[in-house]
Amino acid sequence: MRNRFDGRALRALIATAACSVMLSGCGLIFQNHEKRADAVLQPTPGNATRGTITLIERADGVQVSYSLTDMPPNSDHALTVHERGDCISVNDPEASPVFALPPERRTASARSEGELGNIHADATGSATGFIVATDVSLDGVRSVISRAIVLHREALDPYASAPHNVGPALACGVIRR
C-alpha cells in the first residue's frame, strides 16, 4: 500500500511552518527597546572624583543611575546637566549654563530641568544609586543627549526659589547614546 499525503495535511504543515517563522521574528519587533545613554565622569583639574552615569528613559522619567568614587567623605553634591557638551567651561555659568528650556516651554517649577538632584557620598567617598529626573528626556526638546553632566562641590538647596551657586565642578562627562 502506498502512503499518500493528503493535500489538506500538506497545507496545514506549510501553514504551521510559516506561522512558526513569522512568530519567531515577533520577538525582535516587540522586545523592549529602551532609550539609554551613558556618561563617563572624569575629574576636573585639582579633583579626583570620577565615575559612570547611566540614563534610561522610563515611563515616570529618566532614571539617572550613578556610581562615583573619590568624593569628599560624608558629603552632598549637586548633579546637574549643562547646556553644552563641554567639560572645559562648566565652571563658567555664562559659557555653560545649567540646561533649562525657554520660559514658554517650562513648567511652573522654580528649578531648571538640568538640576537633577543631590548625591550623598558615604564615609569612603563613594556614592551609588539613582535619581528619577522627570523634567528631561533622551530625545526631543527636553533631551540631555550631547550635554555635559556635572557633579558639583556643593548640594542644591531644595527650598531655593531661584538657582544658586553649587560651587565648582568636581567631575564632568558628556552624555552619549
N, C-alpha and C. Protein backbone atom coordinates (compact mmCIF):
# COMPACT_ATOMS: atom_id res chain seq x y z
N MET A 1 0.84 -1.16 0.00
CA MET A 1 0.00 0.00 0.00
C MET A 1 0.89 1.24 0.00
N ARG A 2 0.57 2.16 -0.85
CA ARG A 2 1.33 3.41 -0.95
C ARG A 2 0.86 4.43 0.07
N ASN A 3 1.84 5.15 0.63
CA ASN A 3 1.48 6.25 1.52
C ASN A 3 1.16 7.45 0.66
N ARG A 4 0.02 7.95 0.87
CA ARG A 4 -0.39 9.14 0.15
C ARG A 4 -0.54 10.28 1.12
N PHE A 5 0.04 11.40 0.73
CA PHE A 5 -0.06 12.57 1.58
C PHE A 5 -1.31 13.35 1.18
N ASP A 6 -2.18 13.55 2.11
CA ASP A 6 -3.40 14.30 1.86
C ASP A 6 -3.04 15.76 1.62
N GLY A 7 -3.62 16.39 0.65
CA GLY A 7 -3.37 17.80 0.32
C GLY A 7 -3.66 18.73 1.49
N ARG A 8 -4.71 18.38 2.23
CA ARG A 8 -5.05 19.22 3.39
C ARG A 8 -3.97 19.14 4.47
N ALA A 9 -3.42 17.99 4.67
CA ALA A 9 -2.36 17.81 5.67
C ALA A 9 -1.11 18.58 5.25
N LEU A 10 -0.81 18.55 3.96
CA LEU A 10 0.35 19.29 3.45
C LEU A 10 0.17 20.80 3.64
N ARG A 11 -1.02 21.30 3.33
CA ARG A 11 -1.29 22.74 3.52
C ARG A 11 -1.21 23.12 5.00
N ALA A 12 -1.71 22.26 5.88
CA ALA A 12 -1.65 22.53 7.32
C ALA A 12 -0.20 22.56 7.80
N LEU A 13 0.61 21.64 7.29
CA LEU A 13 2.02 21.60 7.66
C LEU A 13 2.74 22.86 7.20
N ILE A 14 2.47 23.30 5.98
CA ILE A 14 3.09 24.53 5.45
C ILE A 14 2.62 25.74 6.25
N ALA A 15 1.35 25.81 6.57
CA ALA A 15 0.82 26.94 7.35
C ALA A 15 1.44 26.98 8.74
N THR A 16 1.60 25.83 9.37
CA THR A 16 2.22 25.77 10.69
C THR A 16 3.67 26.24 10.64
N ALA A 17 4.41 25.79 9.64
CA ALA A 17 5.80 26.21 9.49
C ALA A 17 5.89 27.71 9.25
N ALA A 18 5.01 28.25 8.40
CA ALA A 18 5.02 29.70 8.12
C ALA A 18 4.72 30.49 9.38
N CYS A 19 3.76 30.04 10.18
CA CYS A 19 3.43 30.74 11.43
C CYS A 19 4.61 30.71 12.40
N SER A 20 5.31 29.58 12.48
CA SER A 20 6.46 29.48 13.36
C SER A 20 7.54 30.47 12.97
N VAL A 21 7.79 30.58 11.67
CA VAL A 21 8.81 31.51 11.19
C VAL A 21 8.39 32.95 11.49
N MET A 22 7.12 33.27 11.25
CA MET A 22 6.65 34.64 11.48
C MET A 22 6.71 34.99 12.97
N LEU A 23 6.28 34.07 13.83
CA LEU A 23 6.26 34.36 15.27
C LEU A 23 7.66 34.46 15.85
N SER A 24 8.60 33.73 15.31
CA SER A 24 9.96 33.84 15.84
C SER A 24 10.54 35.22 15.59
N GLY A 25 10.12 35.90 14.55
CA GLY A 25 10.56 37.27 14.27
C GLY A 25 9.87 38.30 15.12
N CYS A 26 8.72 37.95 15.70
CA CYS A 26 7.98 38.91 16.53
C CYS A 26 8.75 39.30 17.78
N GLY A 27 9.58 38.39 18.28
CA GLY A 27 10.38 38.71 19.45
C GLY A 27 11.27 39.92 19.21
N LEU A 28 11.80 40.06 18.01
CA LEU A 28 12.63 41.20 17.68
C LEU A 28 11.81 42.47 17.59
N ILE A 29 10.61 42.35 17.07
CA ILE A 29 9.76 43.53 16.90
C ILE A 29 9.21 44.03 18.22
N PHE A 30 8.75 43.11 19.07
CA PHE A 30 8.04 43.51 20.28
C PHE A 30 8.90 43.56 21.54
N GLN A 31 10.18 43.24 21.43
CA GLN A 31 11.01 43.33 22.63
C GLN A 31 11.20 44.79 23.04
N ASN A 32 11.56 44.99 24.30
CA ASN A 32 11.71 46.33 24.85
C ASN A 32 12.95 47.01 24.26
N HIS A 33 12.75 48.12 23.57
CA HIS A 33 13.84 48.91 23.02
C HIS A 33 13.96 50.17 23.86
N GLU A 34 14.60 50.07 25.01
CA GLU A 34 14.70 51.21 25.90
C GLU A 34 15.68 52.25 25.36
N LYS A 35 15.36 53.49 25.66
CA LYS A 35 16.26 54.59 25.32
C LYS A 35 17.28 54.67 26.43
N ARG A 36 18.55 54.68 26.04
CA ARG A 36 19.63 54.65 27.02
C ARG A 36 20.78 55.55 26.57
N ALA A 37 21.44 56.15 27.55
CA ALA A 37 22.64 56.95 27.29
C ALA A 37 23.58 56.78 28.48
N ASP A 38 24.85 57.10 28.25
CA ASP A 38 25.86 56.94 29.30
C ASP A 38 26.80 58.14 29.30
N ALA A 39 27.44 58.35 30.44
CA ALA A 39 28.48 59.38 30.55
C ALA A 39 29.56 58.84 31.48
N VAL A 40 30.79 59.09 31.13
CA VAL A 40 31.92 58.75 31.99
C VAL A 40 32.41 60.07 32.59
N LEU A 41 32.30 60.20 33.91
CA LEU A 41 32.74 61.42 34.58
C LEU A 41 34.23 61.33 34.88
N GLN A 42 34.94 62.35 34.45
CA GLN A 42 36.37 62.47 34.70
C GLN A 42 36.58 63.64 35.66
N PRO A 43 37.62 63.59 36.48
CA PRO A 43 37.86 64.68 37.43
C PRO A 43 38.24 65.98 36.71
N THR A 44 37.77 67.08 37.26
CA THR A 44 38.21 68.38 36.76
C THR A 44 39.57 68.68 37.39
N PRO A 45 40.31 69.64 36.87
CA PRO A 45 41.65 69.92 37.42
C PRO A 45 41.63 70.15 38.93
N GLY A 46 42.52 69.46 39.62
CA GLY A 46 42.64 69.59 41.07
C GLY A 46 41.71 68.68 41.85
N ASN A 47 40.93 67.86 41.18
CA ASN A 47 39.99 66.96 41.85
C ASN A 47 40.28 65.52 41.45
N ALA A 48 39.69 64.58 42.21
CA ALA A 48 39.91 63.16 41.94
C ALA A 48 38.63 62.41 41.63
N THR A 49 37.48 63.05 41.80
CA THR A 49 36.20 62.38 41.62
C THR A 49 36.03 61.86 40.21
N ARG A 50 35.54 60.62 40.10
CA ARG A 50 35.30 60.01 38.80
C ARG A 50 34.18 58.99 38.94
N GLY A 51 33.64 58.55 37.80
CA GLY A 51 32.60 57.53 37.85
C GLY A 51 31.82 57.42 36.57
N THR A 52 30.72 56.70 36.65
CA THR A 52 29.86 56.50 35.48
C THR A 52 28.43 56.88 35.80
N ILE A 53 27.75 57.34 34.78
CA ILE A 53 26.34 57.71 34.86
C ILE A 53 25.63 56.97 33.73
N THR A 54 24.51 56.34 34.02
CA THR A 54 23.68 55.69 33.01
C THR A 54 22.29 56.30 33.08
N LEU A 55 21.77 56.71 31.93
CA LEU A 55 20.44 57.31 31.86
C LEU A 55 19.54 56.38 31.04
N ILE A 56 18.41 56.00 31.61
CA ILE A 56 17.45 55.13 30.93
C ILE A 56 16.09 55.79 31.03
N GLU A 57 15.44 55.99 29.87
CA GLU A 57 14.13 56.61 29.87
C GLU A 57 13.08 55.59 30.27
N ARG A 58 12.29 55.95 31.27
CA ARG A 58 11.21 55.11 31.80
C ARG A 58 9.90 55.88 31.68
N ALA A 59 8.81 55.24 32.02
CA ALA A 59 7.50 55.88 31.93
C ALA A 59 7.38 57.08 32.88
N ASP A 60 8.06 57.02 34.05
CA ASP A 60 7.95 58.09 35.04
C ASP A 60 9.07 59.12 34.95
N GLY A 61 9.95 59.01 33.95
CA GLY A 61 11.05 59.96 33.79
C GLY A 61 12.33 59.24 33.41
N VAL A 62 13.41 59.96 33.44
CA VAL A 62 14.71 59.37 33.11
C VAL A 62 15.38 58.92 34.41
N GLN A 63 15.69 57.63 34.47
CA GLN A 63 16.40 57.10 35.63
C GLN A 63 17.89 57.37 35.43
N VAL A 64 18.46 58.15 36.33
CA VAL A 64 19.87 58.53 36.27
C VAL A 64 20.60 57.72 37.34
N SER A 65 21.24 56.63 36.92
CA SER A 65 21.99 55.77 37.85
C SER A 65 23.44 56.23 37.88
N TYR A 66 24.03 56.25 39.06
CA TYR A 66 25.40 56.74 39.20
C TYR A 66 26.22 55.80 40.08
N SER A 67 27.49 55.77 39.77
CA SER A 67 28.49 55.05 40.57
C SER A 67 29.73 55.93 40.55
N LEU A 68 29.99 56.59 41.68
CA LEU A 68 31.05 57.60 41.76
C LEU A 68 32.02 57.27 42.90
N THR A 69 33.28 57.64 42.71
CA THR A 69 34.30 57.39 43.73
C THR A 69 35.16 58.64 43.91
N ASP A 70 35.97 58.60 44.95
CA ASP A 70 36.95 59.65 45.25
C ASP A 70 36.31 61.02 45.50
N MET A 71 35.15 61.01 46.14
CA MET A 71 34.48 62.25 46.54
C MET A 71 34.89 62.54 47.99
N PRO A 72 34.73 63.77 48.45
CA PRO A 72 34.99 64.02 49.87
C PRO A 72 34.06 63.14 50.72
N PRO A 73 34.57 62.47 51.75
CA PRO A 73 33.74 61.59 52.57
C PRO A 73 32.59 62.34 53.25
N ASN A 74 31.46 61.63 53.38
CA ASN A 74 30.27 62.15 54.06
C ASN A 74 29.87 63.54 53.57
N SER A 75 29.71 63.68 52.27
CA SER A 75 29.39 64.99 51.69
C SER A 75 28.25 64.88 50.69
N ASP A 76 27.58 66.00 50.46
CA ASP A 76 26.47 66.08 49.50
C ASP A 76 26.88 66.97 48.33
N HIS A 77 26.44 66.57 47.13
CA HIS A 77 26.85 67.27 45.91
C HIS A 77 25.69 67.34 44.92
N ALA A 78 25.63 68.45 44.18
CA ALA A 78 24.61 68.61 43.14
C ALA A 78 25.03 67.90 41.87
N LEU A 79 24.07 67.26 41.23
CA LEU A 79 24.28 66.66 39.91
C LEU A 79 23.44 67.46 38.93
N THR A 80 24.11 68.08 37.95
CA THR A 80 23.40 68.95 37.01
C THR A 80 23.78 68.60 35.57
N VAL A 81 22.88 68.96 34.66
CA VAL A 81 23.14 68.84 33.22
C VAL A 81 23.32 70.26 32.69
N HIS A 82 24.39 70.49 31.95
CA HIS A 82 24.67 71.81 31.40
C HIS A 82 24.31 71.86 29.92
N GLU A 83 24.03 73.05 29.44
CA GLU A 83 23.59 73.27 28.07
C GLU A 83 24.53 72.65 27.04
N ARG A 84 25.80 72.86 27.22
CA ARG A 84 26.77 72.43 26.21
C ARG A 84 27.51 71.17 26.66
N GLY A 85 27.87 70.36 25.69
CA GLY A 85 28.65 69.16 25.97
C GLY A 85 30.12 69.48 26.05
N ASP A 86 30.47 70.42 26.92
CA ASP A 86 31.83 70.93 27.02
C ASP A 86 32.24 70.93 28.49
N CYS A 87 33.16 70.05 28.84
CA CYS A 87 33.59 69.96 30.24
C CYS A 87 34.67 70.98 30.59
N ILE A 88 35.17 71.70 29.63
CA ILE A 88 36.20 72.70 29.90
C ILE A 88 35.58 73.96 30.51
N SER A 89 34.38 74.34 30.05
CA SER A 89 33.79 75.60 30.50
C SER A 89 32.69 75.42 31.55
N VAL A 90 32.59 74.25 32.20
CA VAL A 90 31.48 74.02 33.15
C VAL A 90 31.54 74.92 34.37
N ASN A 91 32.67 75.48 34.70
CA ASN A 91 32.75 76.36 35.86
C ASN A 91 32.45 77.82 35.52
N ASP A 92 32.14 78.08 34.26
CA ASP A 92 31.75 79.43 33.83
C ASP A 92 30.26 79.42 33.49
N PRO A 93 29.40 79.94 34.41
CA PRO A 93 27.95 79.89 34.21
C PRO A 93 27.48 80.56 32.92
N GLU A 94 28.23 81.54 32.44
CA GLU A 94 27.83 82.21 31.20
C GLU A 94 28.20 81.37 29.98
N ALA A 95 29.32 80.66 30.05
CA ALA A 95 29.75 79.84 28.92
C ALA A 95 29.00 78.51 28.86
N SER A 96 28.62 77.99 30.01
CA SER A 96 27.93 76.70 30.06
C SER A 96 26.89 76.70 31.17
N PRO A 97 25.74 77.35 30.94
CA PRO A 97 24.71 77.39 31.98
C PRO A 97 24.04 76.02 32.17
N VAL A 98 23.36 75.86 33.29
CA VAL A 98 22.59 74.65 33.54
C VAL A 98 21.47 74.57 32.50
N PHE A 99 21.22 73.37 31.99
CA PHE A 99 20.19 73.15 30.98
C PHE A 99 18.82 73.62 31.48
N ALA A 100 18.18 74.46 30.69
CA ALA A 100 16.84 74.95 31.00
C ALA A 100 16.11 75.24 29.70
N LEU A 101 14.85 74.89 29.67
CA LEU A 101 14.03 75.18 28.50
C LEU A 101 13.71 76.66 28.44
N PRO A 102 13.37 77.18 27.27
CA PRO A 102 12.92 78.58 27.20
C PRO A 102 11.69 78.77 28.10
N PRO A 103 11.50 79.98 28.62
CA PRO A 103 10.40 80.23 29.57
C PRO A 103 9.02 79.76 29.07
N GLU A 104 8.76 79.88 27.79
CA GLU A 104 7.44 79.48 27.27
C GLU A 104 7.24 77.96 27.28
N ARG A 105 8.29 77.19 27.43
CA ARG A 105 8.18 75.73 27.45
C ARG A 105 8.39 75.15 28.85
N ARG A 106 8.66 75.97 29.83
CA ARG A 106 8.97 75.50 31.18
C ARG A 106 7.71 75.19 31.97
N THR A 107 7.88 74.33 32.95
CA THR A 107 6.79 74.04 33.89
C THR A 107 6.82 75.12 34.98
N ALA A 108 5.92 75.04 35.90
CA ALA A 108 5.84 76.04 36.97
C ALA A 108 6.94 75.87 38.02
N SER A 109 7.73 74.83 37.91
CA SER A 109 8.79 74.57 38.88
C SER A 109 9.83 75.69 38.88
N ALA A 110 10.37 76.00 40.06
CA ALA A 110 11.38 77.05 40.17
C ALA A 110 12.75 76.56 39.72
N ARG A 111 12.95 75.25 39.74
CA ARG A 111 14.26 74.74 39.37
C ARG A 111 14.35 74.48 37.87
N SER A 112 15.56 74.51 37.37
CA SER A 112 15.82 74.23 35.96
C SER A 112 15.72 72.73 35.71
N GLU A 113 15.40 72.37 34.47
CA GLU A 113 15.31 70.96 34.10
C GLU A 113 16.64 70.24 34.34
N GLY A 114 17.74 70.94 34.17
CA GLY A 114 19.06 70.34 34.34
C GLY A 114 19.50 70.12 35.77
N GLU A 115 18.77 70.62 36.74
CA GLU A 115 19.10 70.39 38.15
C GLU A 115 18.51 69.04 38.55
N LEU A 116 19.31 67.99 38.43
CA LEU A 116 18.80 66.63 38.64
C LEU A 116 18.56 66.29 40.10
N GLY A 117 19.42 66.75 40.97
CA GLY A 117 19.26 66.44 42.39
C GLY A 117 20.61 66.35 43.08
N ASN A 118 20.57 65.86 44.31
CA ASN A 118 21.78 65.75 45.12
C ASN A 118 22.21 64.29 45.28
N ILE A 119 23.52 64.12 45.45
CA ILE A 119 24.12 62.81 45.66
C ILE A 119 24.89 62.87 46.97
N HIS A 120 24.77 61.82 47.77
CA HIS A 120 25.48 61.76 49.05
C HIS A 120 26.63 60.75 48.96
N ALA A 121 27.83 61.20 49.31
CA ALA A 121 28.99 60.32 49.37
C ALA A 121 29.08 59.72 50.77
N ASP A 122 29.37 58.43 50.83
CA ASP A 122 29.49 57.77 52.13
C ASP A 122 30.85 58.05 52.77
N ALA A 123 31.14 57.36 53.87
CA ALA A 123 32.38 57.60 54.61
C ALA A 123 33.64 57.29 53.80
N THR A 124 33.50 56.47 52.76
CA THR A 124 34.66 56.15 51.92
C THR A 124 34.77 57.08 50.71
N GLY A 125 33.82 58.01 50.56
CA GLY A 125 33.84 58.93 49.42
C GLY A 125 33.22 58.35 48.17
N SER A 126 32.42 57.30 48.32
CA SER A 126 31.75 56.67 47.18
C SER A 126 30.25 56.92 47.24
N ALA A 127 29.62 56.88 46.08
CA ALA A 127 28.17 57.02 46.01
C ALA A 127 27.65 56.17 44.86
N THR A 128 26.63 55.36 45.16
CA THR A 128 25.97 54.53 44.17
C THR A 128 24.48 54.64 44.40
N GLY A 129 23.72 54.86 43.33
CA GLY A 129 22.28 54.96 43.47
C GLY A 129 21.67 55.49 42.19
N PHE A 130 20.46 56.05 42.33
CA PHE A 130 19.82 56.64 41.16
C PHE A 130 18.89 57.76 41.57
N ILE A 131 18.61 58.61 40.60
CA ILE A 131 17.67 59.72 40.71
C ILE A 131 16.70 59.58 39.55
N VAL A 132 15.42 59.84 39.76
CA VAL A 132 14.49 59.87 38.64
C VAL A 132 14.25 61.33 38.28
N ALA A 133 14.67 61.69 37.07
CA ALA A 133 14.54 63.07 36.58
C ALA A 133 13.31 63.16 35.69
N THR A 134 12.28 63.82 36.17
CA THR A 134 11.01 63.88 35.44
C THR A 134 10.95 65.00 34.41
N ASP A 135 11.90 65.94 34.46
CA ASP A 135 11.86 67.11 33.57
C ASP A 135 12.74 67.00 32.34
N VAL A 136 13.42 65.87 32.15
CA VAL A 136 14.30 65.70 30.99
C VAL A 136 13.92 64.43 30.24
N SER A 137 14.49 64.27 29.04
CA SER A 137 14.27 63.06 28.25
C SER A 137 15.54 62.75 27.47
N LEU A 138 15.48 61.68 26.69
CA LEU A 138 16.62 61.31 25.86
C LEU A 138 16.37 61.61 24.38
N ASP A 139 15.30 62.35 24.10
CA ASP A 139 15.06 62.86 22.75
C ASP A 139 14.09 64.04 22.84
N GLY A 140 13.95 64.78 21.77
CA GLY A 140 13.03 65.92 21.74
C GLY A 140 13.62 67.16 22.40
N VAL A 141 12.75 68.13 22.71
CA VAL A 141 13.21 69.41 23.25
C VAL A 141 13.80 69.31 24.65
N ARG A 142 13.46 68.29 25.39
CA ARG A 142 13.98 68.09 26.74
C ARG A 142 15.18 67.14 26.77
N SER A 143 15.75 66.84 25.60
CA SER A 143 16.83 65.88 25.51
C SER A 143 18.11 66.37 26.18
N VAL A 144 18.77 65.46 26.88
CA VAL A 144 20.06 65.76 27.51
C VAL A 144 21.23 65.13 26.75
N ILE A 145 20.95 64.49 25.62
CA ILE A 145 22.00 63.87 24.82
C ILE A 145 22.97 64.93 24.33
N SER A 146 24.25 64.63 24.39
CA SER A 146 25.36 65.51 23.97
C SER A 146 25.54 66.73 24.87
N ARG A 147 24.95 66.72 26.04
CA ARG A 147 25.15 67.78 27.02
C ARG A 147 26.11 67.28 28.10
N ALA A 148 26.71 68.21 28.83
CA ALA A 148 27.62 67.83 29.92
C ALA A 148 26.82 67.53 31.17
N ILE A 149 27.20 66.47 31.88
CA ILE A 149 26.62 66.18 33.18
C ILE A 149 27.74 66.40 34.20
N VAL A 150 27.42 67.16 35.26
CA VAL A 150 28.45 67.68 36.16
C VAL A 150 28.10 67.37 37.61
N LEU A 151 29.10 66.92 38.35
CA LEU A 151 28.98 66.77 39.80
C LEU A 151 29.67 67.97 40.42
N HIS A 152 28.91 68.75 41.21
CA HIS A 152 29.43 69.99 41.81
C HIS A 152 29.88 69.77 43.25
N ARG A 153 30.66 70.72 43.74
CA ARG A 153 31.20 70.66 45.11
C ARG A 153 30.09 70.77 46.16
N GLU A 154 29.11 71.63 45.93
CA GLU A 154 28.03 71.85 46.91
C GLU A 154 26.75 71.14 46.47
N ALA A 155 25.78 71.09 47.38
CA ALA A 155 24.47 70.48 47.10
C ALA A 155 23.48 71.55 46.66
N LEU A 156 22.45 71.11 45.95
CA LEU A 156 21.33 72.00 45.60
C LEU A 156 20.48 72.22 46.85
N ASP A 157 19.96 73.41 47.00
CA ASP A 157 19.02 73.70 48.08
C ASP A 157 17.62 73.40 47.56
N PRO A 158 16.95 72.37 48.07
CA PRO A 158 15.63 72.01 47.54
C PRO A 158 14.56 73.07 47.81
N TYR A 159 14.85 74.00 48.70
CA TYR A 159 13.85 75.03 49.04
C TYR A 159 14.14 76.37 48.40
N ALA A 160 15.19 76.46 47.62
CA ALA A 160 15.55 77.73 46.97
C ALA A 160 14.51 78.08 45.90
N SER A 161 14.17 79.33 45.80
CA SER A 161 13.20 79.77 44.80
C SER A 161 13.87 80.15 43.49
N ALA A 162 15.17 80.20 43.49
CA ALA A 162 15.92 80.55 42.26
C ALA A 162 17.20 79.72 42.24
N PRO A 163 17.79 79.52 41.08
CA PRO A 163 19.05 78.78 41.02
C PRO A 163 20.11 79.46 41.88
N HIS A 164 20.96 78.68 42.48
CA HIS A 164 22.01 79.23 43.32
C HIS A 164 23.34 78.58 42.97
N ASN A 165 24.40 79.12 43.51
CA ASN A 165 25.74 78.63 43.22
C ASN A 165 25.99 77.32 43.95
N VAL A 166 26.30 76.27 43.19
CA VAL A 166 26.59 74.97 43.80
C VAL A 166 28.08 74.67 43.77
N GLY A 167 28.86 75.71 43.51
CA GLY A 167 30.31 75.56 43.56
C GLY A 167 30.88 74.98 42.28
N PRO A 168 32.19 74.88 42.27
CA PRO A 168 32.86 74.39 41.06
C PRO A 168 32.58 72.91 40.81
N ALA A 169 32.88 72.49 39.61
CA ALA A 169 32.69 71.10 39.22
C ALA A 169 33.79 70.22 39.80
N LEU A 170 33.40 69.07 40.35
CA LEU A 170 34.36 68.06 40.81
C LEU A 170 34.68 67.08 39.67
N ALA A 171 33.65 66.79 38.86
CA ALA A 171 33.80 65.85 37.75
C ALA A 171 32.79 66.19 36.67
N CYS A 172 33.13 65.80 35.44
CA CYS A 172 32.27 66.13 34.31
C CYS A 172 32.39 65.04 33.24
N GLY A 173 31.30 64.83 32.51
CA GLY A 173 31.31 63.92 31.37
C GLY A 173 30.24 64.34 30.38
N VAL A 174 30.33 63.87 29.17
CA VAL A 174 29.34 64.20 28.14
C VAL A 174 28.42 63.00 27.96
N ILE A 175 27.11 63.27 27.91
CA ILE A 175 26.09 62.22 27.78
C ILE A 175 26.05 61.77 26.32
N ARG A 176 26.23 60.48 26.12
CA ARG A 176 26.25 59.89 24.77
C ARG A 176 25.35 58.67 24.71
N ARG A 177 24.76 58.45 23.54
CA ARG A 177 23.95 57.23 23.32
C ARG A 177 24.84 56.03 23.21
